Amino acid sequence: MSKRKGIISVLKHSVLIIGASFMLFPFFWSVSTSFKGLKEIFRNPFSFVPLHPTFGNYVALFNEIPFARYLLNSFIVASLTTLLQIVTAMLSAYAFSRLKFKGRDLIFYAFLATMMIPGQLLMIPQYLVVARFGWINSYQGLIIPYAATALTTFFLRQFFLTIPKDLEDVAVIDGCNSFQVLVKIFLPISKPAISTIAVFSFMWSWNSYFWPLLVVNVPEMRTVQLGLAMFRTEGGMQWGQFMAGTVIATLPILIAYFFAQKHFIKSITLTGLK
């Protein structure tokens, strides 16, 4: 029996290693390509070890276009969008999970139904609203339309439902109002769920392309994803510089996940328990 379990364990780990290799291959290939010259890229496109490593692609990345400005724009937009999504999700999730008012569940289901609407269908109405407010080529236009989402509210509401009602009752007896209960009781307990929301929100906002493409038409307001598109020229794609930009654009997401990994795993575990 132990031998059979050992074989099964080896097979499981083999499948996981193969799957991880397929997922990690594009990233390692991007890193390797970013240190290659243009000739070597076309001669040895799938070689993981550059024959003549060079930092020229990274130097050209910041010299030929204002890539540092694009990184700053993306960081501002992604950080503020994440912060607003957390604040709005906490308030709405607490209302839908703890407060009792007429039509609460109906409103929640209607709010949840907005997740079924394709994002592409909402872009034109959102653009018209943003243009009416004069927010084209501004941080407001990039941030405000996505300051609240049904997904973050739903996720945090499900987490709030797992918090014992006794904790809330004790806080009320001590004289706390609803907002104080949210800040003093729910907020400290919900750090794993909030960390998970922060990682997903930051990742989505950082990688957003189509919405910035609609509301930004001046170079100084471009985000990093629009900046990467600048390496497609009439002569073709500048692969070395493009891969260097891709590597740099990936680092903030990896760093965010690294610091939130512990809370991220904990939140997935807790929300899976009844």
C-alpha atoms as a PDB file:
ATOM      1  CA  MET A   1       0.000   0.000   0.000  1.00  0.00           C
ATOM      2  CA  SER A   2       2.828   2.398   0.888  1.00  0.00           C
ATOM      3  CA  LYS A   3       4.518   1.656  -2.445  1.00  0.00           C
ATOM      4  CA  ARG A   4       1.286   2.452  -4.274  1.00  0.00           C
ATOM      5  CA  LYS A   5       0.942   5.728  -2.386  1.00  0.00           C
ATOM      6  CA  GLY A   6       4.538   6.568  -3.279  1.00  0.00           C
ATOM      7  CA  ILE A   7       3.892   5.990  -6.976  1.00  0.00           C
ATOM      8  CA  ILE A   8       0.731   8.119  -6.867  1.00  0.00           C
ATOM      9  CA  SER A   9       2.634  10.888  -5.068  1.00  0.00           C
ATOM     10  CA  VAL A  10       5.394  10.816  -7.695  1.00  0.00           C
ATOM     11  CA  LEU A  11       2.831  11.009 -10.498  1.00  0.00           C
ATOM     12  CA  LYS A  12       1.041  13.955  -8.858  1.00  0.00           C
ATOM     13  CA  HIS A  13       4.259  15.879  -8.372  1.00  0.00           C
ATOM     14  CA  SER A  14       5.348  15.084 -11.928  1.00  0.00           C
ATOM     15  CA  VAL A  15       2.110  16.505 -13.315  1.00  0.00           C
ATOM     16  CA  LEU A  16       2.473  19.616 -11.124  1.00  0.00           C
ATOM     17  CA  ILE A  17       6.084  20.136 -12.217  1.00  0.00           C
ATOM     18  CA  ILE A  18       5.155  19.781 -15.888  1.00  0.00           C
ATOM     19  CA  GLY A  19       2.258  22.213 -15.482  1.00  0.00           C
ATOM     20  CA  ALA A  20       4.443  24.713 -13.617  1.00  0.00           C
ATOM     21  CA  SER A  21       7.102  24.438 -16.341  1.00  0.00           C
ATOM     22  CA  PHE A  22       4.576  25.340 -19.037  1.00  0.00           C
ATOM     23  CA  MET A  23       3.418  28.363 -17.034  1.00  0.00           C
ATOM     24  CA  LEU A  24       6.912  29.584 -16.121  1.00  0.00           C
ATOM     25  CA  PHE A  25       8.407  29.103 -19.593  1.00  0.00           C
ATOM     26  CA  PRO A  26       7.080  32.417 -21.054  1.00  0.00           C
ATOM     27  CA  PHE A  27       8.444  34.411 -18.108  1.00  0.00           C
ATOM     28  CA  PHE A  28      11.919  32.870 -18.192  1.00  0.00           C
ATOM     29  CA  TRP A  29      11.992  33.244 -21.975  1.00  0.00           C
ATOM     30  CA  SER A  30      11.102  36.937 -21.607  1.00  0.00           C
ATOM     31  CA  VAL A  31      13.888  37.479 -19.075  1.00  0.00           C
ATOM     32  CA  SER A  32      16.411  35.686 -21.293  1.00  0.00           C
ATOM     33  CA  THR A  33      15.353  37.577 -24.415  1.00  0.00           C
ATOM     34  CA  SER A  34      15.591  40.930 -22.634  1.00  0.00           C
ATOM     35  CA  PHE A  35      19.358  40.406 -22.268  1.00  0.00           C
ATOM     36  CA  LYS A  36      19.936  39.488 -25.925  1.00  0.00           C
ATOM     37  CA  GLY A  37      20.871  41.665 -28.847  1.00  0.00           C
ATOM     38  CA  LEU A  38      18.588  41.843 -31.870  1.00  0.00           C
ATOM     39  CA  LYS A  39      20.735  39.469 -33.974  1.00  0.00           C
ATOM     40  CA  GLU A  40      20.923  36.855 -31.230  1.00  0.00           C
ATOM     41  CA  ILE A  41      17.164  37.020 -30.687  1.00  0.00           C
ATOM     42  CA  PHE A  42      16.528  35.917 -34.269  1.00  0.00           C
ATOM     43  CA  ARG A  43      19.404  33.418 -34.368  1.00  0.00           C
ATOM     44  CA  ASN A  44      18.688  31.697 -31.023  1.00  0.00           C
ATOM     45  CA  PRO A  45      15.106  32.660 -30.128  1.00  0.00           C
ATOM     46  CA  PHE A  46      14.507  29.771 -27.691  1.00  0.00           C
ATOM     47  CA  SER A  47      17.889  29.753 -25.966  1.00  0.00           C
ATOM     48  CA  PHE A  48      17.570  30.453 -22.246  1.00  0.00           C
ATOM     49  CA  VAL A  49      21.220  31.484 -21.820  1.00  0.00           C
ATOM     50  CA  PRO A  50      22.264  34.602 -23.789  1.00  0.00           C
ATOM     51  CA  LEU A  51      25.604  34.114 -25.530  1.00  0.00           C
ATOM     52  CA  HIS A  52      26.450  37.819 -25.244  1.00  0.00           C
ATOM     53  CA  PRO A  53      24.379  39.299 -22.369  1.00  0.00           C
ATOM     54  CA  THR A  54      23.698  43.006 -22.649  1.00  0.00           C
ATOM     55  CA  PHE A  55      21.768  45.654 -20.718  1.00  0.00           C
ATOM     56  CA  GLY A  56      21.277  47.659 -23.890  1.00  0.00           C
ATOM     57  CA  ASN A  57      17.590  46.806 -24.112  1.00  0.00           C
ATOM     58  CA  TYR A  58      16.943  48.180 -20.612  1.00  0.00           C
ATOM     59  CA  VAL A  59      18.914  51.342 -21.348  1.00  0.00           C
ATOM     60  CA  ALA A  60      17.020  51.906 -24.601  1.00  0.00           C
ATOM     61  CA  LEU A  61      13.746  51.214 -22.806  1.00  0.00           C
ATOM     62  CA  PHE A  62      14.111  54.352 -20.667  1.00  0.00           C
ATOM     63  CA  ASN A  63      15.942  56.476 -23.240  1.00  0.00           C
ATOM     64  CA  GLU A  64      13.748  56.069 -26.308  1.00  0.00           C
ATOM     65  CA  ILE A  65      10.400  56.487 -24.550  1.00  0.00           C
ATOM     66  CA  PRO A  66       9.474  57.972 -21.119  1.00  0.00           C
ATOM     67  CA  PHE A  67       8.948  54.502 -19.626  1.00  0.00           C
ATOM     68  CA  ALA A  68       9.577  55.760 -16.077  1.00  0.00           C
ATOM     69  CA  ARG A  69       6.609  58.113 -16.476  1.00  0.00           C
ATOM     70  CA  TYR A  70       4.446  55.240 -17.704  1.00  0.00           C
ATOM     71  CA  LEU A  71       5.432  53.167 -14.668  1.00  0.00           C
ATOM     72  CA  LEU A  72       4.556  56.065 -12.359  1.00  0.00           C
ATOM     73  CA  ASN A  73       1.157  56.529 -14.025  1.00  0.00           C
ATOM     74  CA  SER A  74       0.349  52.842 -13.708  1.00  0.00           C
ATOM     75  CA  PHE A  75       1.441  52.781 -10.069  1.00  0.00           C
ATOM     76  CA  ILE A  76      -0.741  55.780  -9.189  1.00  0.00           C
ATOM     77  CA  VAL A  77      -3.768  54.406 -11.030  1.00  0.00           C
ATOM     78  CA  ALA A  78      -3.394  50.844  -9.733  1.00  0.00           C
ATOM     79  CA  SER A  79      -2.754  51.920  -6.118  1.00  0.00           C
ATOM     80  CA  LEU A  80      -5.647  54.373  -5.898  1.00  0.00           C
ATOM     81  CA  THR A  81      -8.027  52.013  -7.709  1.00  0.00           C
ATOM     82  CA  THR A  82      -7.097  49.225  -5.290  1.00  0.00           C
ATOM     83  CA  LEU A  83      -7.558  51.493  -2.270  1.00  0.00           C
ATOM     84  CA  LEU A  84     -10.980  52.700  -3.438  1.00  0.00           C
ATOM     85  CA  GLN A  85     -12.127  49.166  -4.249  1.00  0.00           C
ATOM     86  CA  ILE A  86     -11.163  47.997  -0.765  1.00  0.00           C
ATOM     87  CA  VAL A  87     -13.001  50.907   0.912  1.00  0.00           C
ATOM     88  CA  THR A  88     -16.167  50.531  -1.163  1.00  0.00           C
ATOM     89  CA  ALA A  89     -16.106  46.734  -0.829  1.00  0.00           C
ATOM     90  CA  MET A  90     -15.792  46.910   2.953  1.00  0.00           C
ATOM     91  CA  LEU A  91     -18.697  49.317   3.339  1.00  0.00           C
ATOM     92  CA  SER A  92     -21.033  47.521   0.935  1.00  0.00           C
ATOM     93  CA  ALA A  93     -20.056  44.029   2.115  1.00  0.00           C
ATOM     94  CA  TYR A  94     -20.750  44.963   5.732  1.00  0.00           C
ATOM     95  CA  ALA A  95     -24.129  46.399   4.775  1.00  0.00           C
ATOM     96  CA  PHE A  96     -25.104  43.302   2.774  1.00  0.00           C
ATOM     97  CA  SER A  97     -23.876  40.842   5.400  1.00  0.00           C
ATOM     98  CA  ARG A  98     -24.780  42.443   8.763  1.00  0.00           C
ATOM     99  CA  LEU A  99     -27.211  45.317   8.403  1.00  0.00           C
ATOM    100  CA  LYS A 100     -30.899  44.521   8.127  1.00  0.00           C
ATOM    101  CA  PHE A 101     -33.010  46.701   5.838  1.00  0.00           C
ATOM    102  CA  LYS A 102     -35.884  46.185   3.471  1.00  0.00           C
ATOM    103  CA  GLY A 103     -34.903  44.744   0.102  1.00  0.00           C
ATOM    104  CA  ARG A 104     -31.330  44.001   1.173  1.00  0.00           C
ATOM    105  CA  ASP A 105     -31.065  40.619  -0.540  1.00  0.00           C
ATOM    106  CA  LEU A 106     -32.835  41.855  -3.677  1.00  0.00           C
ATOM    107  CA  ILE A 107     -30.429  44.781  -3.977  1.00  0.00           C
ATOM    108  CA  PHE A 108     -27.481  42.469  -3.426  1.00  0.00           C
ATOM    109  CA  TYR A 109     -28.595  40.050  -6.145  1.00  0.00           C
ATOM    110  CA  ALA A 110     -29.163  42.948  -8.534  1.00  0.00           C
ATOM    111  CA  PHE A 111     -25.700  44.258  -7.667  1.00  0.00           C
ATOM    112  CA  LEU A 112     -24.284  40.780  -8.204  1.00  0.00           C
ATOM    113  CA  ALA A 113     -26.017  40.501 -11.575  1.00  0.00           C
ATOM    114  CA  THR A 114     -23.805  43.282 -12.923  1.00  0.00           C
ATOM    115  CA  MET A 115     -20.992  40.702 -12.996  1.00  0.00           C
ATOM    116  CA  MET A 116     -22.830  38.991 -15.858  1.00  0.00           C
ATOM    117  CA  ILE A 117     -22.543  42.072 -18.093  1.00  0.00           C
ATOM    118  CA  PRO A 118     -19.463  41.924 -20.380  1.00  0.00           C
ATOM    119  CA  GLY A 119     -16.987  44.669 -19.611  1.00  0.00           C
ATOM    120  CA  GLN A 120     -16.728  45.598 -23.287  1.00  0.00           C
ATOM    121  CA  LEU A 121     -20.439  46.433 -23.270  1.00  0.00           C
ATOM    122  CA  LEU A 122     -19.954  48.991 -20.499  1.00  0.00           C
ATOM    123  CA  MET A 123     -16.968  50.785 -21.970  1.00  0.00           C
ATOM    124  CA  ILE A 124     -18.897  53.109 -24.282  1.00  0.00           C
ATOM    125  CA  PRO A 125     -21.383  54.308 -21.606  1.00  0.00           C
ATOM    126  CA  GLN A 126     -18.504  54.746 -19.162  1.00  0.00           C
ATOM    127  CA  TYR A 127     -16.542  56.691 -21.758  1.00  0.00           C
ATOM    128  CA  LEU A 128     -19.488  59.015 -22.404  1.00  0.00           C
ATOM    129  CA  VAL A 129     -19.849  59.702 -18.676  1.00  0.00           C
ATOM    130  CA  VAL A 130     -16.115  60.322 -18.254  1.00  0.00           C
ATOM    131  CA  ALA A 131     -16.081  62.630 -21.277  1.00  0.00           C
ATOM    132  CA  ARG A 132     -19.109  64.533 -19.918  1.00  0.00           C
ATOM    133  CA  PHE A 133     -17.251  65.186 -16.666  1.00  0.00           C
ATOM    134  CA  GLY A 134     -14.164  66.322 -18.588  1.00  0.00           C
ATOM    135  CA  TRP A 135     -11.994  63.506 -17.243  1.00  0.00           C
ATOM    136  CA  ILE A 136     -10.367  62.496 -20.531  1.00  0.00           C
ATOM    137  CA  ASN A 137      -6.562  62.336 -20.128  1.00  0.00           C
ATOM    138  CA  SER A 138      -6.783  62.467 -16.340  1.00  0.00           C
ATOM    139  CA  TYR A 139      -6.257  60.179 -13.378  1.00  0.00           C
ATOM    140  CA  GLN A 140      -9.930  60.569 -12.463  1.00  0.00           C
ATOM    141  CA  GLY A 141     -10.970  59.094 -15.778  1.00  0.00           C
ATOM    142  CA  LEU A 142      -8.687  56.094 -15.282  1.00  0.00           C
ATOM    143  CA  ILE A 143      -9.612  55.455 -11.634  1.00  0.00           C
ATOM    144  CA  ILE A 144     -13.190  56.487 -10.776  1.00  0.00           C
ATOM    145  CA  PRO A 145     -15.089  54.146 -13.177  1.00  0.00           C
ATOM    146  CA  TYR A 146     -13.487  51.149 -11.449  1.00  0.00           C
ATOM    147  CA  ALA A 147     -13.533  52.407  -7.857  1.00  0.00           C
ATOM    148  CA  ALA A 148     -16.135  49.754  -6.958  1.00  0.00           C
ATOM    149  CA  THR A 149     -16.781  46.274  -8.322  1.00  0.00           C
ATOM    150  CA  ALA A 150     -19.351  43.597  -7.559  1.00  0.00           C
ATOM    151  CA  LEU A 151     -16.686  40.898  -7.364  1.00  0.00           C
ATOM    152  CA  THR A 152     -14.765  42.492  -4.495  1.00  0.00           C
ATOM    153  CA  THR A 153     -18.005  43.153  -2.604  1.00  0.00           C
ATOM    154  CA  PHE A 154     -19.160  39.574  -3.102  1.00  0.00           C
ATOM    155  CA  PHE A 155     -15.843  38.107  -1.973  1.00  0.00           C
ATOM    156  CA  LEU A 156     -15.653  40.271   1.151  1.00  0.00           C
ATOM    157  CA  ARG A 157     -19.323  39.683   1.995  1.00  0.00           C
ATOM    158  CA  GLN A 158     -18.760  35.930   1.965  1.00  0.00           C
ATOM    159  CA  PHE A 159     -15.830  36.418   4.322  1.00  0.00           C
ATOM    160  CA  PHE A 160     -17.857  38.635   6.661  1.00  0.00           C
ATOM    161  CA  LEU A 161     -20.514  35.926   6.906  1.00  0.00           C
ATOM    162  CA  THR A 162     -17.923  33.584   8.470  1.00  0.00           C
ATOM    163  CA  ILE A 163     -17.233  36.021  11.347  1.00  0.00           C
ATOM    164  CA  PRO A 164     -19.139  34.953  14.506  1.00  0.00           C
ATOM    165  CA  LYS A 165     -22.096  37.160  15.385  1.00  0.00           C
ATOM    166  CA  ASP A 166     -21.038  37.060  19.047  1.00  0.00           C
ATOM    167  CA  LEU A 167     -18.060  39.333  18.347  1.00  0.00           C
ATOM    168  CA  GLU A 168     -20.349  41.965  16.885  1.00  0.00           C
ATOM    169  CA  ASP A 169     -22.808  41.653  19.808  1.00  0.00           C
ATOM    170  CA  VAL A 170     -20.023  42.159  22.352  1.00  0.00           C
ATOM    171  CA  ALA A 171     -18.845  45.288  20.537  1.00  0.00           C
ATOM    172  CA  VAL A 172     -22.397  46.681  20.448  1.00  0.00           C
ATOM    173  CA  ILE A 173     -22.772  46.040  24.187  1.00  0.00           C
ATOM    174  CA  ASP A 174     -19.558  47.998  24.754  1.00  0.00           C
ATOM    175  CA  GLY A 175     -21.152  50.958  22.974  1.00  0.00           C
ATOM    176  CA  CYS A 176     -19.811  50.644  19.419  1.00  0.00           C
ATOM    177  CA  ASN A 177     -21.944  51.779  16.512  1.00  0.00           C
ATOM    178  CA  SER A 178     -22.015  49.983  13.147  1.00  0.00           C
ATOM    179  CA  PHE A 179     -19.051  51.894  11.716  1.00  0.00           C
ATOM    180  CA  GLN A 180     -16.946  51.252  14.841  1.00  0.00           C
ATOM    181  CA  VAL A 181     -17.810  47.545  14.673  1.00  0.00           C
ATOM    182  CA  LEU A 182     -16.626  47.499  11.072  1.00  0.00           C
ATOM    183  CA  VAL A 183     -13.341  49.285  11.834  1.00  0.00           C
ATOM    184  CA  LYS A 184     -12.473  47.716  15.191  1.00  0.00           C
ATOM    185  CA  ILE A 185     -13.799  44.164  14.752  1.00  0.00           C
ATOM    186  CA  PHE A 186     -14.240  43.295  11.081  1.00  0.00           C
ATOM    187  CA  LEU A 187     -11.235  45.141   9.664  1.00  0.00           C
ATOM    188  CA  PRO A 188      -8.527  43.402  11.792  1.00  0.00           C
ATOM    189  CA  ILE A 189     -10.095  39.961  11.264  1.00  0.00           C
ATOM    190  CA  SER A 190     -10.489  40.493   7.511  1.00  0.00           C
ATOM    191  CA  LYS A 191      -6.830  41.216   6.715  1.00  0.00           C
ATOM    192  CA  PRO A 192      -6.418  37.948   4.733  1.00  0.00           C
ATOM    193  CA  ALA A 193      -9.480  38.671   2.579  1.00  0.00           C
ATOM    194  CA  ILE A 194      -8.504  42.321   2.103  1.00  0.00           C
ATOM    195  CA  SER A 195      -4.986  41.276   1.061  1.00  0.00           C
ATOM    196  CA  THR A 196      -6.457  38.948  -1.542  1.00  0.00           C
ATOM    197  CA  ILE A 197      -8.709  41.684  -2.898  1.00  0.00           C
ATOM    198  CA  ALA A 198      -5.760  44.083  -2.986  1.00  0.00           C
ATOM    199  CA  VAL A 199      -3.605  41.668  -5.005  1.00  0.00           C
ATOM    200  CA  PHE A 200      -6.332  40.947  -7.573  1.00  0.00           C
ATOM    201  CA  SER A 201      -7.405  44.592  -7.859  1.00  0.00           C
ATOM    202  CA  PHE A 202      -3.840  45.828  -8.253  1.00  0.00           C
ATOM    203  CA  MET A 203      -3.062  43.130 -10.819  1.00  0.00           C
ATOM    204  CA  TRP A 204      -6.176  43.871 -12.867  1.00  0.00           C
ATOM    205  CA  SER A 205      -5.649  47.635 -12.818  1.00  0.00           C
ATOM    206  CA  TRP A 206      -1.922  47.352 -13.573  1.00  0.00           C
ATOM    207  CA  ASN A 207      -2.560  45.103 -16.588  1.00  0.00           C
ATOM    208  CA  SER A 208      -5.514  47.102 -17.919  1.00  0.00           C
ATOM    209  CA  TYR A 209      -5.074  48.092 -21.554  1.00  0.00           C
ATOM    210  CA  PHE A 210      -8.357  48.799 -23.337  1.00  0.00           C
ATOM    211  CA  TRP A 211      -9.755  51.348 -20.868  1.00  0.00           C
ATOM    212  CA  PRO A 212      -6.583  53.499 -20.788  1.00  0.00           C
ATOM    213  CA  LEU A 213      -6.477  53.203 -24.571  1.00  0.00           C
ATOM    214  CA  LEU A 214      -9.934  54.821 -24.702  1.00  0.00           C
ATOM    215  CA  VAL A 215      -9.487  57.687 -22.245  1.00  0.00           C
ATOM    216  CA  VAL A 216      -5.818  58.562 -22.804  1.00  0.00           C
ATOM    217  CA  ASN A 217      -4.518  60.193 -25.970  1.00  0.00           C
ATOM    218  CA  VAL A 218      -1.557  62.231 -24.683  1.00  0.00           C
ATOM    219  CA  PRO A 219       1.907  60.692 -24.061  1.00  0.00           C
ATOM    220  CA  GLU A 220       2.318  61.972 -20.497  1.00  0.00           C
ATOM    221  CA  MET A 221      -0.780  60.082 -19.264  1.00  0.00           C
ATOM    222  CA  ARG A 222      -0.018  56.712 -20.843  1.00  0.00           C
ATOM    223  CA  THR A 223       0.166  53.683 -18.581  1.00  0.00           C
ATOM    224  CA  VAL A 224       2.829  50.988 -18.763  1.00  0.00           C
ATOM    225  CA  GLN A 225       0.701  48.715 -20.952  1.00  0.00           C
ATOM    226  CA  LEU A 226       0.229  51.489 -23.499  1.00  0.00           C
ATOM    227  CA  GLY A 227       3.935  52.225 -23.244  1.00  0.00           C
ATOM    228  CA  LEU A 228       4.820  48.655 -24.199  1.00  0.00           C
ATOM    229  CA  ALA A 229       2.788  49.063 -27.376  1.00  0.00           C
ATOM    230  CA  MET A 230       5.147  51.879 -28.402  1.00  0.00           C
ATOM    231  CA  PHE A 231       7.801  49.334 -29.372  1.00  0.00           C
ATOM    232  CA  ARG A 232       5.783  48.224 -32.384  1.00  0.00           C
ATOM    233  CA  THR A 233       7.185  50.352 -35.210  1.00  0.00           C
ATOM    234  CA  GLU A 234       6.869  50.384 -38.981  1.00  0.00           C
ATOM    235  CA  GLY A 235      10.018  48.245 -39.126  1.00  0.00           C
ATOM    236  CA  GLY A 236       8.472  45.596 -36.872  1.00  0.00           C
ATOM    237  CA  MET A 237       8.481  44.772 -33.175  1.00  0.00           C
ATOM    238  CA  GLN A 238      11.523  45.763 -31.118  1.00  0.00           C
ATOM    239  CA  TRP A 239      11.594  42.444 -29.290  1.00  0.00           C
ATOM    240  CA  GLY A 240      14.553  43.077 -26.993  1.00  0.00           C
ATOM    241  CA  GLN A 241      13.195  46.337 -25.615  1.00  0.00           C
ATOM    242  CA  PHE A 242       9.669  44.956 -25.519  1.00  0.00           C
ATOM    243  CA  MET A 243      10.774  41.984 -23.414  1.00  0.00           C
ATOM    244  CA  ALA A 244      12.774  44.261 -21.111  1.00  0.00           C
ATOM    245  CA  GLY A 245       9.650  46.357 -20.575  1.00  0.00           C
ATOM    246  CA  THR A 246       7.579  43.230 -19.998  1.00  0.00           C
ATOM    247  CA  VAL A 247       9.971  42.003 -17.314  1.00  0.00           C
ATOM    248  CA  ILE A 248       9.925  45.354 -15.505  1.00  0.00           C
ATOM    249  CA  ALA A 249       6.121  45.576 -15.811  1.00  0.00           C
ATOM    250  CA  THR A 250       5.778  42.125 -14.249  1.00  0.00           C
ATOM    251  CA  LEU A 251       7.924  42.870 -11.185  1.00  0.00           C
ATOM    252  CA  PRO A 252       5.375  45.009  -9.230  1.00  0.00           C
ATOM    253  CA  ILE A 253       2.781  42.233  -9.426  1.00  0.00           C
ATOM    254  CA  LEU A 254       5.308  39.629  -8.278  1.00  0.00           C
ATOM    255  CA  ILE A 255       6.372  41.859  -5.392  1.00  0.00           C
ATOM    256  CA  ALA A 256       2.757  42.503  -4.363  1.00  0.00           C
ATOM    257  CA  TYR A 257       1.996  38.783  -4.393  1.00  0.00           C
ATOM    258  CA  PHE A 258       5.206  37.978  -2.478  1.00  0.00           C
ATOM    259  CA  PHE A 259       4.262  40.253   0.416  1.00  0.00           C
ATOM    260  CA  ALA A 260       0.593  39.188   0.431  1.00  0.00           C
ATOM    261  CA  GLN A 261       1.186  35.473  -0.157  1.00  0.00           C
ATOM    262  CA  LYS A 262       0.648  34.446   3.467  1.00  0.00           C
ATOM    263  CA  HIS A 263      -2.650  36.325   3.774  1.00  0.00           C
ATOM    264  CA  PHE A 264      -3.677  35.246   0.278  1.00  0.00           C
ATOM    265  CA  ILE A 265      -3.436  31.524   1.095  1.00  0.00           C
ATOM    266  CA  LYS A 266      -5.102  32.043   4.469  1.00  0.00           C
ATOM    267  CA  SER A 267      -8.085  33.838   2.926  1.00  0.00           C
ATOM    268  CA  ILE A 268      -8.646  31.061   0.395  1.00  0.00           C
ATOM    269  CA  THR A 269      -8.569  28.516   3.238  1.00  0.00           C
ATOM    270  CA  LEU A 270     -10.950  30.453   5.467  1.00  0.00           C
ATOM    271  CA  THR A 271     -13.509  31.235   2.759  1.00  0.00           C
ATOM    272  CA  GLY A 272     -13.610  27.522   1.909  1.00  0.00           C
ATOM    273  CA  LEU A 273     -14.690  26.604   5.426  1.00  0.00           C
ATOM    274  CA  LYS A 274     -18.260  26.867   6.604  1.00  0.00           C
END
